[in-house]
């Protein structure tokens, strides 16, 4: 099965979902400007390297990257990863319940589109 990457962005909420399926892509040191990133490893594994060190993230593990936090991702094989990227301005504008509802709505919409 070839790898697939899907992006779904809501300008209204400032939230983007990135679904990488069976990816073998490694990402050199970089950061996400103004974006809080929550990554969920759904299959396989990734090596996440930050200023705090390197950490192997495997199936069902979650990691959080703050805006501007330098990091890199590498993989020995392949991985399936769901990243939830939340614009820092959305975090400032909305309470946690609203952000949670917006993420749930975006996830539901994405799952519907994948069927």
PDB file of N, CA and C in Angstrom:
ATOM      1  N   UNK A   1       0.836  -1.177   0.000  1.00  0.00           N
ATOM      2  CA  UNK A   1       0.000   0.000   0.000  1.00  0.00           C
ATOM      3  C   UNK A   1       0.887   1.248   0.000  1.00  0.00           C
ATOM      4  N   UNK A   2       0.692   2.161  -0.950  1.00  0.00           N
ATOM      5  CA  UNK A   2       1.499   3.380  -0.990  1.00  0.00           C
ATOM      6  C   UNK A   2       1.096   4.336   0.135  1.00  0.00           C
ATOM      7  N   UNK A   3       2.017   5.229   0.471  1.00  0.00           N
ATOM      8  CA  UNK A   3       1.707   6.190   1.523  1.00  0.00           C
ATOM      9  C   UNK A   3       0.760   7.259   0.992  1.00  0.00           C
ATOM     10  N   UNK A   4      -0.022   7.823   1.907  1.00  0.00           N
ATOM     11  CA  UNK A   4      -0.953   8.892   1.574  1.00  0.00           C
ATOM     12  C   UNK A   4      -0.857   9.954   2.651  1.00  0.00           C
ATOM     13  N   UNK A   5      -0.943  11.201   2.231  1.00  0.00           N
ATOM     14  CA  UNK A   5      -1.023  12.299   3.184  1.00  0.00           C
ATOM     15  C   UNK A   5      -2.246  13.124   2.818  1.00  0.00           C
ATOM     16  N   UNK A   6      -3.103  13.346   3.812  1.00  0.00           N
ATOM     17  CA  UNK A   6      -4.312  14.138   3.594  1.00  0.00           C
ATOM     18  C   UNK A   6      -4.297  15.323   4.553  1.00  0.00           C
ATOM     19  N   UNK A   7      -4.719  16.469   4.045  1.00  0.00           N
ATOM     20  CA  UNK A   7      -4.782  17.693   4.845  1.00  0.00           C
ATOM     21  C   UNK A   7      -6.224  18.183   4.857  1.00  0.00           C
ATOM     22  N   UNK A   8      -6.691  18.575   6.011  1.00  0.00           N
ATOM     23  CA  UNK A   8      -8.009  19.191   6.110  1.00  0.00           C
ATOM     24  C   UNK A   8      -7.875  20.392   7.031  1.00  0.00           C
ATOM     25  N   UNK A   9      -8.108  21.577   6.484  1.00  0.00           N
ATOM     26  CA  UNK A   9      -7.916  22.813   7.234  1.00  0.00           C
ATOM     27  C   UNK A   9      -9.218  23.578   7.325  1.00  0.00           C
ATOM     28  N   UNK A  10      -9.500  24.101   8.501  1.00  0.00           N
ATOM     29  CA  UNK A  10     -10.654  24.960   8.709  1.00  0.00           C
ATOM     30  C   UNK A  10     -10.153  26.363   9.054  1.00  0.00           C
ATOM     31  N   UNK A  11     -10.286  27.282   8.112  1.00  0.00           N
ATOM     32  CA  UNK A  11      -9.864  28.661   8.354  1.00  0.00           C
ATOM     33  C   UNK A  11     -10.718  29.300   9.452  1.00  0.00           C
ATOM     34  N   UNK A  12     -11.962  28.865   9.552  1.00  0.00           N
ATOM     35  CA  UNK A  12     -12.873  29.415  10.548  1.00  0.00           C
ATOM     36  C   UNK A  12     -12.410  29.101  11.977  1.00  0.00           C
ATOM     37  N   UNK A  13     -11.881  27.901  12.186  1.00  0.00           N
ATOM     38  CA  UNK A  13     -11.479  27.503  13.534  1.00  0.00           C
ATOM     39  C   UNK A  13      -9.972  27.613  13.777  1.00  0.00           C
ATOM     40  N   UNK A  14      -9.183  27.695  12.701  1.00  0.00           N
ATOM     41  CA  UNK A  14      -7.727  27.727  12.851  1.00  0.00           C
ATOM     42  C   UNK A  14      -7.144  26.363  13.181  1.00  0.00           C
ATOM     43  N   UNK A  15      -7.864  25.295  12.818  1.00  0.00           N
ATOM     44  CA  UNK A  15      -7.425  23.934  13.114  1.00  0.00           C
ATOM     45  C   UNK A  15      -7.195  23.178  11.807  1.00  0.00           C
ATOM     46  N   UNK A  16      -6.082  22.431  11.775  1.00  0.00           N
ATOM     47  CA  UNK A  16      -5.763  21.601  10.610  1.00  0.00           C
ATOM     48  C   UNK A  16      -5.507  20.177  11.089  1.00  0.00           C
ATOM     49  N   UNK A  17      -6.028  19.219  10.347  1.00  0.00           N
ATOM     50  CA  UNK A  17      -5.733  17.813  10.578  1.00  0.00           C
ATOM     51  C   UNK A  17      -4.825  17.338   9.461  1.00  0.00           C
ATOM     52  N   UNK A  18      -3.789  16.615   9.816  1.00  0.00           N
ATOM     53  CA  UNK A  18      -2.894  16.032   8.822  1.00  0.00           C
ATOM     54  C   UNK A  18      -2.843  14.540   9.110  1.00  0.00           C
ATOM     55  N   UNK A  19      -3.263  13.751   8.136  1.00  0.00           N
ATOM     56  CA  UNK A  19      -3.289  12.302   8.294  1.00  0.00           C
ATOM     57  C   UNK A  19      -2.262  11.700   7.350  1.00  0.00           C
ATOM     58  N   UNK A  20      -1.184  11.155   7.920  1.00  0.00           N
ATOM     59  CA  UNK A  20      -0.124  10.513   7.140  1.00  0.00           C
ATOM     60  C   UNK A  20      -0.282   9.007   7.300  1.00  0.00           C
ATOM     61  N   UNK A  21      -0.626   8.337   6.226  1.00  0.00           N
ATOM     62  CA  UNK A  21      -0.868   6.895   6.271  1.00  0.00           C
ATOM     63  C   UNK A  21       0.276   6.144   5.605  1.00  0.00           C
ATOM     64  N   UNK A  22       0.893   5.233   6.362  1.00  0.00           N
ATOM     65  CA  UNK A  22       2.009   4.407   5.888  1.00  0.00           C
ATOM     66  C   UNK A  22       3.133   5.270   5.307  1.00  0.00           C
ATOM     67  N   UNK A  23       3.430   6.357   5.954  1.00  0.00           N
ATOM     68  CA  UNK A  23       4.457   7.282   5.477  1.00  0.00           C
ATOM     69  C   UNK A  23       5.852   6.784   5.841  1.00  0.00           C
ATOM     70  N   UNK A  24       6.794   7.086   4.978  1.00  0.00           N
ATOM     71  CA  UNK A  24       8.208   6.820   5.251  1.00  0.00           C
ATOM     72  C   UNK A  24       8.999   8.122   5.240  1.00  0.00           C
ATOM     73  N   UNK A  25       8.289   9.236   5.233  1.00  0.00           N
ATOM     74  CA  UNK A  25       8.920  10.553   5.144  1.00  0.00           C
ATOM     75  C   UNK A  25       9.523  10.936   6.492  1.00  0.00           C
ATOM     76  N   UNK A  26      10.757  11.393   6.471  1.00  0.00           N
ATOM     77  CA  UNK A  26      11.406  11.971   7.642  1.00  0.00           C
ATOM     78  C   UNK A  26      11.467  13.478   7.450  1.00  0.00           C
ATOM     79  N   UNK A  27      11.401  14.208   8.540  1.00  0.00           N
ATOM     80  CA  UNK A  27      11.408  15.662   8.478  1.00  0.00           C
ATOM     81  C   UNK A  27      12.620  16.187   9.249  1.00  0.00           C
ATOM     82  N   UNK A  28      13.491  16.955   8.596  1.00  0.00           N
ATOM     83  CA  UNK A  28      14.658  17.511   9.291  1.00  0.00           C
ATOM     84  C   UNK A  28      14.209  18.557  10.314  1.00  0.00           C
ATOM     85  N   UNK A  29      15.162  19.045  11.081  1.00  0.00           N
ATOM     86  CA  UNK A  29      14.873  20.030  12.118  1.00  0.00           C
ATOM     87  C   UNK A  29      14.089  21.205  11.538  1.00  0.00           C
ATOM     88  N   UNK A  30      12.959  21.504  12.167  1.00  0.00           N
ATOM     89  CA  UNK A  30      12.090  22.599  11.727  1.00  0.00           C
ATOM     90  C   UNK A  30      11.198  22.985  12.910  1.00  0.00           C
ATOM     91  N   UNK A  31      10.351  23.985  12.707  1.00  0.00           N
ATOM     92  CA  UNK A  31       9.344  24.320  13.711  1.00  0.00           C
ATOM     93  C   UNK A  31       8.073  24.746  13.006  1.00  0.00           C
ATOM     94  N   UNK A  32       6.998  24.765  13.749  1.00  0.00           N
ATOM     95  CA  UNK A  32       5.707  25.176  13.225  1.00  0.00           C
ATOM     96  C   UNK A  32       5.414  26.559  13.790  1.00  0.00           C
ATOM     97  N   UNK A  33       5.383  27.530  12.929  1.00  0.00           N
ATOM     98  CA  UNK A  33       5.184  28.911  13.347  1.00  0.00           C
ATOM     99  C   UNK A  33       3.744  29.096  13.825  1.00  0.00           C
ATOM    100  N   UNK A  34       3.598  29.557  15.032  1.00  0.00           N
ATOM    101  CA  UNK A  34       2.298  29.918  15.610  1.00  0.00           C
ATOM    102  C   UNK A  34       1.315  28.754  15.736  1.00  0.00           C
ATOM    103  N   UNK A  35       1.819  27.503  15.755  1.00  0.00           N
ATOM    104  CA  UNK A  35       0.919  26.356  15.773  1.00  0.00           C
ATOM    105  C   UNK A  35       1.282  25.402  16.911  1.00  0.00           C
ATOM    106  N   UNK A  36       0.282  25.044  17.697  1.00  0.00           N
ATOM    107  CA  UNK A  36       0.403  23.981  18.681  1.00  0.00           C
ATOM    108  C   UNK A  36       0.080  22.683  17.949  1.00  0.00           C
ATOM    109  N   UNK A  37       0.956  21.690  18.035  1.00  0.00           N
ATOM    110  CA  UNK A  37       0.767  20.431  17.316  1.00  0.00           C
ATOM    111  C   UNK A  37       0.636  19.285  18.300  1.00  0.00           C
ATOM    112  N   UNK A  38      -0.421  18.496  18.110  1.00  0.00           N
ATOM    113  CA  UNK A  38      -0.624  17.274  18.884  1.00  0.00           C
ATOM    114  C   UNK A  38      -0.542  16.129  17.883  1.00  0.00           C
ATOM    115  N   UNK A  39       0.410  15.227  18.089  1.00  0.00           N
ATOM    116  CA  UNK A  39       0.587  14.088  17.192  1.00  0.00           C
ATOM    117  C   UNK A  39       0.176  12.795  17.871  1.00  0.00           C
ATOM    118  N   UNK A  40      -0.505  11.935  17.135  1.00  0.00           N
ATOM    119  CA  UNK A  40      -0.934  10.639  17.651  1.00  0.00           C
ATOM    120  C   UNK A  40      -0.435   9.578  16.682  1.00  0.00           C
ATOM    121  N   UNK A  41       0.449   8.701  17.145  1.00  0.00           N
ATOM    122  CA  UNK A  41       0.972   7.629  16.306  1.00  0.00           C
ATOM    123  C   UNK A  41      -0.070   6.519  16.283  1.00  0.00           C
ATOM    124  N   UNK A  42      -0.618   6.256  15.116  1.00  0.00           N
ATOM    125  CA  UNK A  42      -1.663   5.246  14.975  1.00  0.00           C
ATOM    126  C   UNK A  42      -1.093   3.879  14.601  1.00  0.00           C
ATOM    127  N   UNK A  43       0.082   3.876  13.974  1.00  0.00           N
ATOM    128  CA  UNK A  43       0.727   2.617  13.587  1.00  0.00           C
ATOM    129  C   UNK A  43       2.198   2.892  13.318  1.00  0.00           C
ATOM    130  N   UNK A  44       3.035   1.883  13.508  1.00  0.00           N
ATOM    131  CA  UNK A  44       4.463   2.044  13.278  1.00  0.00           C
ATOM    132  C   UNK A  44       5.104   2.846  14.392  1.00  0.00           C
ATOM    133  N   UNK A  45       6.177   3.536  14.047  1.00  0.00           N
ATOM    134  CA  UNK A  45       6.871   4.341  15.048  1.00  0.00           C
ATOM    135  C   UNK A  45       7.620   5.481  14.390  1.00  0.00           C
ATOM    136  N   UNK A  46       7.868   6.523  15.183  1.00  0.00           N
ATOM    137  CA  UNK A  46       8.682   7.655  14.748  1.00  0.00           C
ATOM    138  C   UNK A  46       9.670   7.974  15.854  1.00  0.00           C
ATOM    139  N   UNK A  47      10.781   8.564  15.481  1.00  0.00           N
ATOM    140  CA  UNK A  47      11.748   9.085  16.441  1.00  0.00           C
ATOM    141  C   UNK A  47      11.580  10.600  16.425  1.00  0.00           C
ATOM    142  N   UNK A  48      11.109  11.133  17.529  1.00  0.00           N
ATOM    143  CA  UNK A  48      10.895  12.568  17.677  1.00  0.00           C
ATOM    144  C   UNK A  48      12.076  13.139  18.438  1.00  0.00           C
ATOM    145  N   UNK A  49      12.736  14.131  17.838  1.00  0.00           N
ATOM    146  CA  UNK A  49      13.878  14.766  18.491  1.00  0.00           C
ATOM    147  C   UNK A  49      13.558  16.233  18.731  1.00  0.00           C
ATOM    148  N   UNK A  50      13.697  16.646  19.994  1.00  0.00           N
ATOM    149  CA  UNK A  50      13.491  18.039  20.396  1.00  0.00           C
ATOM    150  C   UNK A  50      14.715  18.468  21.216  1.00  0.00           C
ATOM    151  N   UNK A  51      14.678  19.662  21.742  1.00  0.00           N
ATOM    152  CA  UNK A  51      15.777  20.138  22.590  1.00  0.00           C
ATOM    153  C   UNK A  51      15.919  19.279  23.846  1.00  0.00           C
ATOM    154  N   UNK A  52      14.852  18.592  24.238  1.00  0.00           N
ATOM    155  CA  UNK A  52      14.890  17.739  25.420  1.00  0.00           C
ATOM    156  C   UNK A  52      15.509  16.368  25.129  1.00  0.00           C
ATOM    157  N   UNK A  53      15.746  16.054  23.854  1.00  0.00           N
ATOM    158  CA  UNK A  53      16.335  14.772  23.490  1.00  0.00           C
ATOM    159  C   UNK A  53      15.484  14.018  22.485  1.00  0.00           C
ATOM    160  N   UNK A  54      15.873  12.784  22.219  1.00  0.00           N
ATOM    161  CA  UNK A  54      15.172  11.937  21.251  1.00  0.00           C
ATOM    162  C   UNK A  54      14.268  10.961  21.993  1.00  0.00           C
ATOM    163  N   UNK A  55      13.093  10.745  21.420  1.00  0.00           N
ATOM    164  CA  UNK A  55      12.124   9.838  22.028  1.00  0.00           C
ATOM    165  C   UNK A  55      11.454   9.015  20.937  1.00  0.00           C
ATOM    166  N   UNK A  56      11.434   7.707  21.119  1.00  0.00           N
ATOM    167  CA  UNK A  56      10.713   6.835  20.195  1.00  0.00           C
ATOM    168  C   UNK A  56       9.238   6.887  20.558  1.00  0.00           C
ATOM    169  N   UNK A  57       8.415   7.210  19.583  1.00  0.00           N
ATOM    170  CA  UNK A  57       6.965   7.237  19.779  1.00  0.00           C
ATOM    171  C   UNK A  57       6.374   6.104  18.955  1.00  0.00           C
ATOM    172  N   UNK A  58       5.672   5.207  19.624  1.00  0.00           N
ATOM    173  CA  UNK A  58       5.091   4.046  18.960  1.00  0.00           C
ATOM    174  C   UNK A  58       3.568   4.118  19.009  1.00  0.00           C
ATOM    175  N   UNK A  59       2.942   3.088  18.490  1.00  0.00           N
ATOM    176  CA  UNK A  59       1.485   3.027  18.375  1.00  0.00           C
ATOM    177  C   UNK A  59       0.783   3.479  19.667  1.00  0.00           C
ATOM    178  N   UNK A  60      -0.211   4.342  19.475  1.00  0.00           N
ATOM    179  CA  UNK A  60      -1.067   4.891  20.534  1.00  0.00           C
ATOM    180  C   UNK A  60      -0.373   5.923  21.426  1.00  0.00           C
ATOM    181  N   UNK A  61       0.850   6.309  21.096  1.00  0.00           N
ATOM    182  CA  UNK A  61       1.498   7.359  21.877  1.00  0.00           C
ATOM    183  C   UNK A  61       1.175   8.730  21.293  1.00  0.00           C
ATOM    184  N   UNK A  62       1.120   9.697  22.180  1.00  0.00           N
ATOM    185  CA  UNK A  62       0.790  11.076  21.824  1.00  0.00           C
ATOM    186  C   UNK A  62       1.978  11.962  22.181  1.00  0.00           C
ATOM    187  N   UNK A  63       2.245  12.953  21.331  1.00  0.00           N
ATOM    188  CA  UNK A  63       3.255  13.957  21.660  1.00  0.00           C
ATOM    189  C   UNK A  63       2.691  15.339  21.369  1.00  0.00           C
ATOM    190  N   UNK A  64       3.217  16.315  22.077  1.00  0.00           N
ATOM    191  CA  UNK A  64       2.770  17.706  21.928  1.00  0.00           C
ATOM    192  C   UNK A  64       3.977  18.569  21.627  1.00  0.00           C
ATOM    193  N   UNK A  65       3.826  19.429  20.627  1.00  0.00           N
ATOM    194  CA  UNK A  65       4.877  20.379  20.254  1.00  0.00           C
ATOM    195  C   UNK A  65       4.310  21.791  20.356  1.00  0.00           C
ATOM    196  N   UNK A  66       4.967  22.616  21.136  1.00  0.00           N
ATOM    197  CA  UNK A  66       4.532  24.002  21.290  1.00  0.00           C
ATOM    198  C   UNK A  66       4.906  24.818  20.056  1.00  0.00           C
ATOM    199  N   UNK A  67       4.215  25.935  19.836  1.00  0.00           N
ATOM    200  CA  UNK A  67       4.593  26.800  18.721  1.00  0.00           C
ATOM    201  C   UNK A  67       6.076  27.155  18.784  1.00  0.00           C
ATOM    202  N   UNK A  68       6.724  27.147  17.648  1.00  0.00           N
ATOM    203  CA  UNK A  68       8.138  27.523  17.479  1.00  0.00           C
ATOM    204  C   UNK A  68       9.131  26.513  18.062  1.00  0.00           C
ATOM    205  N   UNK A  69       8.660  25.382  18.591  1.00  0.00           N
ATOM    206  CA  UNK A  69       9.570  24.403  19.195  1.00  0.00           C
ATOM    207  C   UNK A  69      10.299  23.612  18.106  1.00  0.00           C
ATOM    208  N   UNK A  70      11.610  23.755  17.997  1.00  0.00           N
ATOM    209  CA  UNK A  70      12.355  23.014  16.976  1.00  0.00           C
ATOM    210  C   UNK A  70      12.271  21.505  17.240  1.00  0.00           C
ATOM    211  N   UNK A  71      12.055  20.748  16.172  1.00  0.00           N
ATOM    212  CA  UNK A  71      11.956  19.299  16.289  1.00  0.00           C
ATOM    213  C   UNK A  71      12.237  18.655  14.930  1.00  0.00           C
ATOM    214  N   UNK A  72      12.545  17.379  14.969  1.00  0.00           N
ATOM    215  CA  UNK A  72      12.683  16.597  13.741  1.00  0.00           C
ATOM    216  C   UNK A  72      11.991  15.258  13.967  1.00  0.00           C
ATOM    217  N   UNK A  73      11.607  14.629  12.872  1.00  0.00           N
ATOM    218  CA  UNK A  73      10.951  13.322  12.922  1.00  0.00           C
ATOM    219  C   UNK A  73      11.639  12.416  11.918  1.00  0.00           C
ATOM    220  N   UNK A  74      12.016  11.230  12.390  1.00  0.00           N
ATOM    221  CA  UNK A  74      12.580  10.225  11.488  1.00  0.00           C
ATOM    222  C   UNK A  74      11.897   8.895  11.780  1.00  0.00           C
ATOM    223  N   UNK A  75      12.056   7.960  10.868  1.00  0.00           N
ATOM    224  CA  UNK A  75      11.418   6.660  11.045  1.00  0.00           C
ATOM    225  C   UNK A  75      12.307   5.550  10.502  1.00  0.00           C
ATOM    226  N   UNK A  76      12.349   4.423  11.196  1.00  0.00           N
ATOM    227  CA  UNK A  76      13.120   3.294  10.693  1.00  0.00           C
ATOM    228  C   UNK A  76      12.368   2.524   9.606  1.00  0.00           C
ATOM    229  N   UNK A  77      11.057   2.712   9.518  1.00  0.00           N
ATOM    230  CA  UNK A  77      10.253   1.924   8.600  1.00  0.00           C
ATOM    231  C   UNK A  77       9.119   2.770   8.028  1.00  0.00           C
ATOM    232  N   UNK A  78       7.933   2.629   8.570  1.00  0.00           N
ATOM    233  CA  UNK A  78       6.798   3.449   8.156  1.00  0.00           C
ATOM    234  C   UNK A  78       5.934   3.736   9.382  1.00  0.00           C
ATOM    235  N   UNK A  79       5.055   4.710   9.226  1.00  0.00           N
ATOM    236  CA  UNK A  79       4.182   5.090  10.330  1.00  0.00           C
ATOM    237  C   UNK A  79       2.885   5.653   9.783  1.00  0.00           C
ATOM    238  N   UNK A  80       1.870   5.590  10.613  1.00  0.00           N
ATOM    239  CA  UNK A  80       0.616   6.285  10.356  1.00  0.00           C
ATOM    240  C   UNK A  80       0.441   7.248  11.518  1.00  0.00           C
ATOM    241  N   UNK A  81       0.247   8.514  11.193  1.00  0.00           N
ATOM    242  CA  UNK A  81       0.251   9.575  12.192  1.00  0.00           C
ATOM    243  C   UNK A  81      -0.885  10.548  11.918  1.00  0.00           C
ATOM    244  N   UNK A  82      -1.601  10.898  12.966  1.00  0.00           N
ATOM    245  CA  UNK A  82      -2.599  11.953  12.888  1.00  0.00           C
ATOM    246  C   UNK A  82      -2.055  13.142  13.657  1.00  0.00           C
ATOM    247  N   UNK A  83      -1.932  14.280  12.988  1.00  0.00           N
ATOM    248  CA  UNK A  83      -1.484  15.509  13.638  1.00  0.00           C
ATOM    249  C   UNK A  83      -2.643  16.488  13.682  1.00  0.00           C
ATOM    250  N   UNK A  84      -2.862  17.052  14.841  1.00  0.00           N
ATOM    251  CA  UNK A  84      -3.868  18.091  15.027  1.00  0.00           C
ATOM    252  C   UNK A  84      -3.097  19.378  15.281  1.00  0.00           C
ATOM    253  N   UNK A  85      -3.232  20.321  14.375  1.00  0.00           N
ATOM    254  CA  UNK A  85      -2.484  21.574  14.448  1.00  0.00           C
ATOM    255  C   UNK A  85      -3.463  22.709  14.757  1.00  0.00           C
ATOM    256  N   UNK A  86      -3.213  23.392  15.865  1.00  0.00           N
ATOM    257  CA  UNK A  86      -4.119  24.438  16.324  1.00  0.00           C
ATOM    258  C   UNK A  86      -3.372  25.765  16.326  1.00  0.00           C
ATOM    259  N   UNK A  87      -3.861  26.724  15.549  1.00  0.00           N
ATOM    260  CA  UNK A  87      -3.258  28.051  15.489  1.00  0.00           C
ATOM    261  C   UNK A  87      -3.284  28.665  16.889  1.00  0.00           C
ATOM    262  N   UNK A  88      -2.171  29.251  17.303  1.00  0.00           N
ATOM    263  CA  UNK A  88      -2.093  29.801  18.662  1.00  0.00           C
ATOM    264  C   UNK A  88      -3.130  30.898  18.883  1.00  0.00           C
ATOM    265  N   UNK A  89      -3.530  31.609  17.826  1.00  0.00           N
ATOM    266  CA  UNK A  89      -4.558  32.636  17.966  1.00  0.00           C
ATOM    267  C   UNK A  89      -5.917  32.014  18.269  1.00  0.00           C
ATOM    268  N   UNK A  90      -6.179  30.814  17.733  1.00  0.00           N
ATOM    269  CA  UNK A  90      -7.428  30.113  18.036  1.00  0.00           C
ATOM    270  C   UNK A  90      -7.461  29.736  19.510  1.00  0.00           C
ATOM    271  N   UNK A  91      -6.309  29.359  20.049  1.00  0.00           N
ATOM    272  CA  UNK A  91      -6.224  29.004  21.463  1.00  0.00           C
ATOM    273  C   UNK A  91      -6.526  30.235  22.320  1.00  0.00           C
ATOM    274  N   UNK A  92      -6.082  31.406  21.869  1.00  0.00           N
ATOM    275  CA  UNK A  92      -6.310  32.641  22.631  1.00  0.00           C
ATOM    276  C   UNK A  92      -7.776  33.100  22.527  1.00  0.00           C
ATOM    277  N   UNK A  93      -8.425  32.801  21.383  1.00  0.00           N
ATOM    278  CA  UNK A  93      -9.795  33.278  21.144  1.00  0.00           C
ATOM    279  C   UNK A  93     -10.869  32.390  21.758  1.00  0.00           C
ATOM    280  N   UNK A  94     -10.605  31.095  21.879  1.00  0.00           N
ATOM    281  CA  UNK A  94     -11.647  30.150  22.279  1.00  0.00           C
ATOM    282  C   UNK A  94     -11.291  29.433  23.571  1.00  0.00           C
ATOM    283  N   UNK A  95     -12.319  28.999  24.282  1.00  0.00           N
ATOM    284  CA  UNK A  95     -12.076  28.201  25.480  1.00  0.00           C
ATOM    285  C   UNK A  95     -11.843  26.740  25.073  1.00  0.00           C
ATOM    286  N   UNK A  96     -11.423  25.932  26.032  1.00  0.00           N
ATOM    287  CA  UNK A  96     -11.066  24.537  25.757  1.00  0.00           C
ATOM    288  C   UNK A  96     -12.248  23.744  25.207  1.00  0.00           C
ATOM    289  N   UNK A  97     -13.456  23.989  25.714  1.00  0.00           N
ATOM    290  CA  UNK A  97     -14.633  23.256  25.225  1.00  0.00           C
ATOM    291  C   UNK A  97     -14.898  23.545  23.753  1.00  0.00           C
ATOM    292  N   UNK A  98     -14.769  24.803  23.351  1.00  0.00           N
ATOM    293  CA  UNK A  98     -14.995  25.174  21.950  1.00  0.00           C
ATOM    294  C   UNK A  98     -13.954  24.536  21.047  1.00  0.00           C
ATOM    295  N   UNK A  99     -12.692  24.564  21.476  1.00  0.00           N
ATOM    296  CA  UNK A  99     -11.628  23.944  20.681  1.00  0.00           C
ATOM    297  C   UNK A  99     -11.880  22.447  20.553  1.00  0.00           C
ATOM    298  N   UNK A 100     -12.264  21.806  21.637  1.00  0.00           N
ATOM    299  CA  UNK A 100     -12.557  20.373  21.608  1.00  0.00           C
ATOM    300  C   UNK A 100     -13.707  20.070  20.638  1.00  0.00           C
ATOM    301  N   UNK A 101     -14.759  20.872  20.670  1.00  0.00           N
ATOM    302  CA  UNK A 101     -15.894  20.674  19.754  1.00  0.00           C
ATOM    303  C   UNK A 101     -15.467  20.881  18.309  1.00  0.00           C
ATOM    304  N   UNK A 102     -14.624  21.890  18.061  1.00  0.00           N
ATOM    305  CA  UNK A 102     -14.144  22.145  16.693  1.00  0.00           C
ATOM    306  C   UNK A 102     -13.292  20.988  16.179  1.00  0.00           C
ATOM    307  N   UNK A 103     -12.441  20.431  17.033  1.00  0.00           N
ATOM    308  CA  UNK A 103     -11.621  19.283  16.638  1.00  0.00           C
ATOM    309  C   UNK A 103     -12.510  18.085  16.354  1.00  0.00           C
ATOM    310  N   UNK A 104     -13.491  17.841  17.216  1.00  0.00           N
ATOM    311  CA  UNK A 104     -14.411  16.709  17.016  1.00  0.00           C
ATOM    312  C   UNK A 104     -15.172  16.846  15.707  1.00  0.00           C
ATOM    313  N   UNK A 105     -15.633  18.056  15.402  1.00  0.00           N
ATOM    314  CA  UNK A 105     -16.365  18.277  14.156  1.00  0.00           C
ATOM    315  C   UNK A 105     -15.469  18.048  12.940  1.00  0.00           C
ATOM    316  N   UNK A 106     -14.236  18.516  13.000  1.00  0.00           N
ATOM    317  CA  UNK A 106     -13.298  18.332  11.898  1.00  0.00           C
ATOM    318  C   UNK A 106     -12.951  16.852  11.715  1.00  0.00           C
ATOM    319  N   UNK A 107     -12.740  16.141  12.831  1.00  0.00           N
ATOM    320  CA  UNK A 107     -12.467  14.697  12.756  1.00  0.00           C
ATOM    321  C   UNK A 107     -13.646  13.939  12.158  1.00  0.00           C
ATOM    322  N   UNK A 108     -14.838  14.265  12.603  1.00  0.00           N
ATOM    323  CA  UNK A 108     -16.038  13.610  12.079  1.00  0.00           C
ATOM    324  C   UNK A 108     -16.176  13.862  10.587  1.00  0.00           C
ATOM    325  N   UNK A 109     -15.954  15.081  10.173  1.00  0.00           N
ATOM    326  CA  UNK A 109     -16.028  15.445   8.749  1.00  0.00           C
ATOM    327  C   UNK A 109     -14.980  14.668   7.952  1.00  0.00           C
ATOM    328  N   UNK A 110     -13.780  14.564   8.503  1.00  0.00           N
ATOM    329  CA  UNK A 110     -12.708  13.840   7.825  1.00  0.00           C
ATOM    330  C   UNK A 110     -13.039  12.372   7.677  1.00  0.00           C
ATOM    331  N   UNK A 111     -13.508  11.755   8.745  1.00  0.00           N
ATOM    332  CA  UNK A 111     -13.859  10.332   8.688  1.00  0.00           C
ATOM    333  C   UNK A 111     -14.971  10.094   7.681  1.00  0.00           C
ATOM    334  N   UNK A 112     -15.929  11.004   7.616  1.00  0.00           N
ATOM    335  CA  UNK A 112     -17.020  10.889   6.644  1.00  0.00           C
ATOM    336  C   UNK A 112     -16.474  10.949   5.220  1.00  0.00           C
ATOM    337  N   UNK A 113     -15.522  11.845   4.972  1.00  0.00           N
ATOM    338  CA  UNK A 113     -14.940  11.989   3.625  1.00  0.00           C
ATOM    339  C   UNK A 113     -14.110  10.765   3.231  1.00  0.00           C
ATOM    340  N   UNK A 114     -13.520  10.079   4.208  1.00  0.00           N
ATOM    341  CA  UNK A 114     -12.672   8.913   3.910  1.00  0.00           C
ATOM    342  C   UNK A 114     -13.474   7.674   3.571  1.00  0.00           C
ATOM    343  N   UNK A 115     -14.763   7.653   3.892  1.00  0.00           N
ATOM    344  CA  UNK A 115     -15.582   6.464   3.626  1.00  0.00           C
ATOM    345  C   UNK A 115     -16.005   6.380   2.190  1.00  0.00           C
TER     346      UNK A 115
END
